[in-house]
N, C-alpha and C. Protein backbone atom coordinates (compact mmCIF):
# COMPACT_ATOMS: atom_id res chain seq x y z
N UNK A 1 -18.41 19.05 7.28
CA UNK A 1 -19.02 19.06 8.59
C UNK A 1 -18.67 17.76 9.30
N UNK A 2 -18.19 17.85 10.51
CA UNK A 2 -17.81 16.66 11.26
C UNK A 2 -18.56 16.63 12.58
N UNK A 3 -19.06 15.47 12.93
CA UNK A 3 -19.67 15.26 14.22
C UNK A 3 -18.83 14.24 14.96
N UNK A 4 -18.36 14.58 16.13
CA UNK A 4 -17.56 13.66 16.92
C UNK A 4 -18.24 13.47 18.26
N UNK A 5 -18.43 12.22 18.64
CA UNK A 5 -19.06 11.91 19.91
C UNK A 5 -18.10 11.04 20.69
N UNK A 6 -17.81 11.40 21.93
CA UNK A 6 -16.94 10.60 22.79
C UNK A 6 -17.79 10.08 23.94
N UNK A 7 -17.81 8.77 24.10
CA UNK A 7 -18.65 8.14 25.11
C UNK A 7 -17.78 7.22 25.94
N UNK A 8 -17.85 7.33 27.27
CA UNK A 8 -17.15 6.39 28.14
C UNK A 8 -17.93 5.09 28.17
N UNK A 9 -17.22 3.99 28.03
CA UNK A 9 -17.85 2.67 28.11
C UNK A 9 -17.11 1.86 29.17
N UNK A 10 -17.71 0.76 29.63
CA UNK A 10 -17.05 -0.04 30.68
C UNK A 10 -15.66 -0.49 30.24
N UNK A 11 -14.92 -1.04 31.16
CA UNK A 11 -13.55 -1.52 31.01
C UNK A 11 -12.58 -0.40 30.65
N UNK A 12 -12.85 0.81 31.12
CA UNK A 12 -11.95 1.95 30.98
C UNK A 12 -11.50 2.18 29.55
N UNK A 13 -12.44 2.11 28.60
CA UNK A 13 -12.13 2.41 27.23
C UNK A 13 -13.05 3.53 26.77
N UNK A 14 -12.65 4.22 25.74
CA UNK A 14 -13.43 5.33 25.21
C UNK A 14 -13.85 4.98 23.79
N UNK A 15 -15.11 5.19 23.50
CA UNK A 15 -15.64 4.92 22.17
C UNK A 15 -15.70 6.23 21.42
N UNK A 16 -15.04 6.29 20.27
CA UNK A 16 -15.04 7.49 19.46
C UNK A 16 -15.71 7.15 18.14
N UNK A 17 -16.70 7.94 17.77
CA UNK A 17 -17.38 7.71 16.50
C UNK A 17 -17.42 9.02 15.74
N UNK A 18 -17.24 8.92 14.46
CA UNK A 18 -17.18 10.14 13.66
C UNK A 18 -17.89 9.91 12.33
N UNK A 19 -18.67 10.89 11.91
CA UNK A 19 -19.27 10.86 10.58
C UNK A 19 -18.97 12.20 9.94
N UNK A 20 -18.40 12.16 8.75
CA UNK A 20 -18.06 13.41 8.10
C UNK A 20 -18.72 13.50 6.74
N UNK A 21 -19.10 14.69 6.38
CA UNK A 21 -19.69 14.97 5.08
C UNK A 21 -18.81 15.99 4.38
N UNK A 22 -18.56 15.79 3.09
CA UNK A 22 -17.76 16.71 2.32
C UNK A 22 -18.56 17.10 1.09
N UNK A 23 -18.78 18.40 0.91
CA UNK A 23 -19.53 18.90 -0.23
C UNK A 23 -18.60 19.73 -1.10
N UNK A 24 -18.63 19.54 -2.41
CA UNK A 24 -17.80 20.37 -3.26
C UNK A 24 -17.91 19.97 -4.72
N UNK A 25 -17.85 20.95 -5.57
CA UNK A 25 -17.85 20.77 -7.02
C UNK A 25 -19.01 19.89 -7.49
N UNK A 26 -20.17 20.07 -6.91
CA UNK A 26 -21.34 19.33 -7.33
C UNK A 26 -21.37 17.88 -6.91
N UNK A 27 -20.40 17.46 -6.11
CA UNK A 27 -20.37 16.08 -5.66
C UNK A 27 -20.55 16.04 -4.15
N UNK A 28 -21.14 15.00 -3.68
CA UNK A 28 -21.32 14.81 -2.24
C UNK A 28 -20.64 13.49 -1.87
N UNK A 29 -19.74 13.56 -0.93
CA UNK A 29 -19.06 12.37 -0.43
C UNK A 29 -19.45 12.22 1.03
N UNK A 30 -20.05 11.09 1.35
CA UNK A 30 -20.45 10.84 2.73
C UNK A 30 -19.75 9.56 3.17
N UNK A 31 -18.92 9.68 4.20
CA UNK A 31 -18.26 8.49 4.71
C UNK A 31 -19.12 7.88 5.80
N UNK A 32 -19.10 6.58 5.86
CA UNK A 32 -19.84 5.87 6.89
C UNK A 32 -19.22 6.15 8.25
N UNK A 33 -19.98 6.02 9.31
CA UNK A 33 -19.40 6.26 10.64
C UNK A 33 -18.22 5.33 10.89
N UNK A 34 -17.18 5.88 11.49
CA UNK A 34 -16.02 5.09 11.87
C UNK A 34 -16.06 4.90 13.37
N UNK A 35 -15.88 3.69 13.82
CA UNK A 35 -15.91 3.42 15.25
C UNK A 35 -14.57 2.83 15.66
N UNK A 36 -13.91 3.50 16.57
CA UNK A 36 -12.64 3.03 17.10
C UNK A 36 -12.75 2.99 18.62
N UNK A 37 -12.28 1.92 19.20
CA UNK A 37 -12.23 1.86 20.66
C UNK A 37 -10.79 2.12 21.06
N UNK A 38 -10.61 3.15 21.87
CA UNK A 38 -9.28 3.61 22.24
C UNK A 38 -9.15 3.53 23.75
N UNK A 39 -8.10 2.88 24.23
CA UNK A 39 -7.90 2.78 25.67
C UNK A 39 -7.40 4.11 26.23
N UNK A 40 -7.53 4.29 27.53
CA UNK A 40 -7.03 5.51 28.17
C UNK A 40 -5.53 5.66 27.95
N UNK A 41 -4.80 4.54 27.95
CA UNK A 41 -3.35 4.59 27.72
C UNK A 41 -3.04 5.12 26.32
N UNK A 42 -3.81 4.68 25.33
CA UNK A 42 -3.59 5.16 23.97
C UNK A 42 -3.88 6.65 23.85
N UNK A 43 -4.91 7.11 24.56
CA UNK A 43 -5.23 8.54 24.53
C UNK A 43 -4.11 9.36 25.16
N UNK A 44 -3.50 8.83 26.24
CA UNK A 44 -2.42 9.55 26.89
C UNK A 44 -1.18 9.60 26.01
N UNK A 45 -1.03 8.61 25.11
CA UNK A 45 0.12 8.54 24.22
C UNK A 45 -0.22 9.06 22.82
N UNK A 46 -1.25 9.88 22.72
CA UNK A 46 -1.69 10.38 21.42
C UNK A 46 -0.60 11.22 20.77
N UNK A 47 -0.50 11.08 19.46
CA UNK A 47 0.50 11.81 18.71
C UNK A 47 -0.14 12.89 17.84
N UNK A 48 0.55 14.01 17.72
CA UNK A 48 0.17 15.02 16.74
C UNK A 48 0.72 14.55 15.41
N UNK A 49 0.02 14.82 14.33
CA UNK A 49 0.45 14.41 13.00
C UNK A 49 0.47 15.59 12.07
N UNK A 50 1.45 15.63 11.19
CA UNK A 50 1.53 16.64 10.14
C UNK A 50 1.78 15.90 8.83
N UNK A 51 1.17 16.37 7.75
CA UNK A 51 1.37 15.79 6.42
C UNK A 51 1.54 16.94 5.44
N UNK A 52 2.58 16.84 4.60
CA UNK A 52 2.86 17.88 3.60
C UNK A 52 3.09 17.18 2.26
N UNK A 53 2.28 17.55 1.24
CA UNK A 53 2.40 16.98 -0.10
C UNK A 53 3.22 17.93 -0.95
N UNK A 54 4.32 17.43 -1.53
CA UNK A 54 5.17 18.24 -2.41
C UNK A 54 5.45 17.39 -3.65
N UNK A 55 4.70 17.62 -4.72
CA UNK A 55 4.85 16.81 -5.93
C UNK A 55 4.57 15.35 -5.65
N UNK A 56 5.55 14.48 -5.94
CA UNK A 56 5.37 13.04 -5.70
C UNK A 56 5.92 12.62 -4.33
N UNK A 57 6.15 13.59 -3.46
CA UNK A 57 6.71 13.33 -2.13
C UNK A 57 5.69 13.72 -1.06
N UNK A 58 5.59 12.89 -0.05
CA UNK A 58 4.75 13.18 1.11
C UNK A 58 5.67 13.18 2.32
N UNK A 59 5.66 14.28 3.07
CA UNK A 59 6.37 14.33 4.35
C UNK A 59 5.35 14.07 5.43
N UNK A 60 5.68 13.15 6.35
CA UNK A 60 4.76 12.85 7.44
C UNK A 60 5.52 12.98 8.75
N UNK A 61 4.98 13.78 9.66
CA UNK A 61 5.61 13.99 10.95
C UNK A 61 4.71 13.55 12.09
N UNK A 62 5.32 13.05 13.15
CA UNK A 62 4.60 12.64 14.35
C UNK A 62 5.37 13.16 15.56
N UNK A 63 4.63 13.63 16.54
CA UNK A 63 5.22 14.10 17.80
C UNK A 63 4.15 13.99 18.88
N UNK A 64 4.55 14.17 20.12
CA UNK A 64 3.57 14.18 21.21
C UNK A 64 2.57 15.30 20.97
N UNK A 65 1.33 15.06 21.34
CA UNK A 65 0.28 16.07 21.18
C UNK A 65 0.72 17.37 21.83
N UNK A 66 0.52 18.49 21.14
CA UNK A 66 0.87 19.80 21.67
C UNK A 66 2.26 20.28 21.30
N UNK A 67 3.05 19.44 20.61
CA UNK A 67 4.40 19.83 20.23
C UNK A 67 4.34 20.91 19.15
N UNK A 68 5.15 21.94 19.31
CA UNK A 68 5.20 23.02 18.32
C UNK A 68 5.98 22.58 17.09
N UNK A 69 5.64 23.14 15.92
CA UNK A 69 6.30 22.78 14.66
C UNK A 69 7.79 23.11 14.65
N UNK A 70 8.21 24.09 15.46
CA UNK A 70 9.62 24.47 15.48
C UNK A 70 10.40 23.83 16.62
N UNK A 71 9.80 22.84 17.26
CA UNK A 71 10.46 22.11 18.35
C UNK A 71 11.17 20.88 17.78
N UNK A 72 12.36 20.58 18.29
CA UNK A 72 13.12 19.41 17.84
C UNK A 72 12.61 18.15 18.53
N UNK A 73 11.36 17.81 18.26
CA UNK A 73 10.70 16.68 18.92
C UNK A 73 9.86 15.85 17.96
N UNK A 74 10.14 15.95 16.67
CA UNK A 74 9.34 15.28 15.66
C UNK A 74 10.07 14.08 15.07
N UNK A 75 9.32 13.03 14.74
CA UNK A 75 9.82 11.94 13.89
C UNK A 75 9.26 12.24 12.50
N UNK A 76 10.15 12.32 11.52
CA UNK A 76 9.72 12.73 10.18
C UNK A 76 10.12 11.68 9.16
N UNK A 77 9.17 11.31 8.33
CA UNK A 77 9.48 10.40 7.23
C UNK A 77 9.12 11.02 5.90
N UNK A 78 9.80 10.60 4.89
CA UNK A 78 9.58 11.07 3.53
C UNK A 78 9.10 9.86 2.73
N UNK A 79 7.92 10.00 2.14
CA UNK A 79 7.33 8.93 1.35
C UNK A 79 7.35 9.39 -0.10
N UNK A 80 8.03 8.63 -0.95
CA UNK A 80 8.16 9.00 -2.35
C UNK A 80 7.45 7.97 -3.22
N UNK A 81 6.66 8.47 -4.18
CA UNK A 81 5.99 7.61 -5.15
C UNK A 81 6.63 7.90 -6.50
N UNK A 82 7.30 6.88 -7.08
CA UNK A 82 7.99 7.12 -8.35
C UNK A 82 7.02 6.92 -9.52
N UNK A 83 7.54 7.06 -10.74
CA UNK A 83 6.72 6.97 -11.94
C UNK A 83 6.05 5.62 -12.14
N UNK A 84 6.60 4.57 -11.55
CA UNK A 84 6.01 3.23 -11.65
C UNK A 84 5.05 2.93 -10.49
N UNK A 85 4.74 3.96 -9.72
CA UNK A 85 3.88 3.83 -8.53
C UNK A 85 4.53 3.01 -7.42
N UNK A 86 5.86 2.88 -7.45
CA UNK A 86 6.57 2.25 -6.35
C UNK A 86 6.69 3.27 -5.22
N UNK A 87 6.55 2.81 -3.99
CA UNK A 87 6.56 3.70 -2.82
C UNK A 87 7.79 3.39 -1.96
N UNK A 88 8.52 4.44 -1.60
CA UNK A 88 9.68 4.33 -0.73
C UNK A 88 9.47 5.20 0.49
N UNK A 89 9.73 4.64 1.66
CA UNK A 89 9.63 5.40 2.91
C UNK A 89 11.02 5.50 3.53
N UNK A 90 11.43 6.74 3.83
CA UNK A 90 12.73 6.99 4.44
C UNK A 90 12.55 7.95 5.62
N UNK A 91 13.46 7.86 6.59
CA UNK A 91 13.38 8.71 7.77
C UNK A 91 14.43 9.81 7.71
N UNK A 92 14.13 10.94 8.32
CA UNK A 92 15.08 12.06 8.40
C UNK A 92 16.39 11.57 9.00
N UNK A 93 17.49 11.81 8.30
CA UNK A 93 18.82 11.38 8.72
C UNK A 93 18.88 9.89 9.06
N UNK A 94 17.96 9.11 8.50
CA UNK A 94 17.94 7.66 8.74
C UNK A 94 17.53 7.27 10.14
N UNK A 95 16.88 8.17 10.87
CA UNK A 95 16.54 7.93 12.28
C UNK A 95 15.03 8.02 12.51
N UNK A 96 14.50 7.06 13.26
CA UNK A 96 13.08 7.08 13.64
C UNK A 96 12.87 7.74 15.00
N UNK A 97 13.89 8.44 15.49
CA UNK A 97 13.78 9.11 16.79
C UNK A 97 12.97 10.41 16.66
N UNK A 98 12.42 10.84 17.78
CA UNK A 98 11.65 12.08 17.86
C UNK A 98 12.61 13.23 18.19
N UNK A 99 13.40 13.67 17.20
CA UNK A 99 14.41 14.69 17.49
C UNK A 99 14.55 15.72 16.36
N UNK A 100 13.59 15.79 15.49
CA UNK A 100 13.70 16.67 14.33
C UNK A 100 12.68 17.81 14.41
N UNK A 101 12.92 18.86 13.64
CA UNK A 101 12.05 20.04 13.59
C UNK A 101 11.16 19.93 12.35
N UNK A 102 9.84 19.91 12.55
CA UNK A 102 8.92 19.78 11.43
C UNK A 102 9.13 20.88 10.39
N UNK A 103 9.35 22.10 10.84
CA UNK A 103 9.53 23.22 9.91
C UNK A 103 10.76 23.04 9.01
N UNK A 104 11.71 22.19 9.41
CA UNK A 104 12.94 21.97 8.63
C UNK A 104 12.88 20.67 7.81
N UNK A 105 11.73 20.09 7.65
CA UNK A 105 11.59 18.76 7.05
C UNK A 105 12.24 18.61 5.68
N UNK A 106 12.19 19.63 4.83
CA UNK A 106 12.76 19.50 3.48
C UNK A 106 14.28 19.60 3.47
N UNK A 107 14.90 20.01 4.58
CA UNK A 107 16.35 20.20 4.61
C UNK A 107 17.12 18.95 5.05
N UNK A 108 16.44 17.95 5.60
CA UNK A 108 17.12 16.76 6.09
C UNK A 108 17.50 15.82 4.95
N UNK A 109 18.50 14.98 5.21
CA UNK A 109 18.84 13.88 4.30
C UNK A 109 17.99 12.69 4.73
N UNK A 110 17.38 12.02 3.78
CA UNK A 110 16.51 10.89 4.10
C UNK A 110 17.14 9.59 3.64
N UNK A 111 17.13 8.62 4.56
CA UNK A 111 17.69 7.30 4.25
C UNK A 111 16.81 6.22 4.85
């Protein structure tokens, strides 16, 4: 269950607060409220995010809010955790540009 409250505050900033509760398997996890102050400019530049876990690999995609998964407008990175818990981050075709298709994330070469 998530409660999100958006309140306008002076100096043209927006206060976002969220408290989430997660119930499952006889355990209750309650996170404390998170408070972030986000400017109007940051809201206008908001990114959509996608995360896909495949074994020891995490694919993370970012695009402008509202971008479709089959649009060539995503920046995609591949995060690999090896057996020694070392983490490597690589970008699709070695590029941090927003020009990739999220649905094709596993087909790219990462460098």
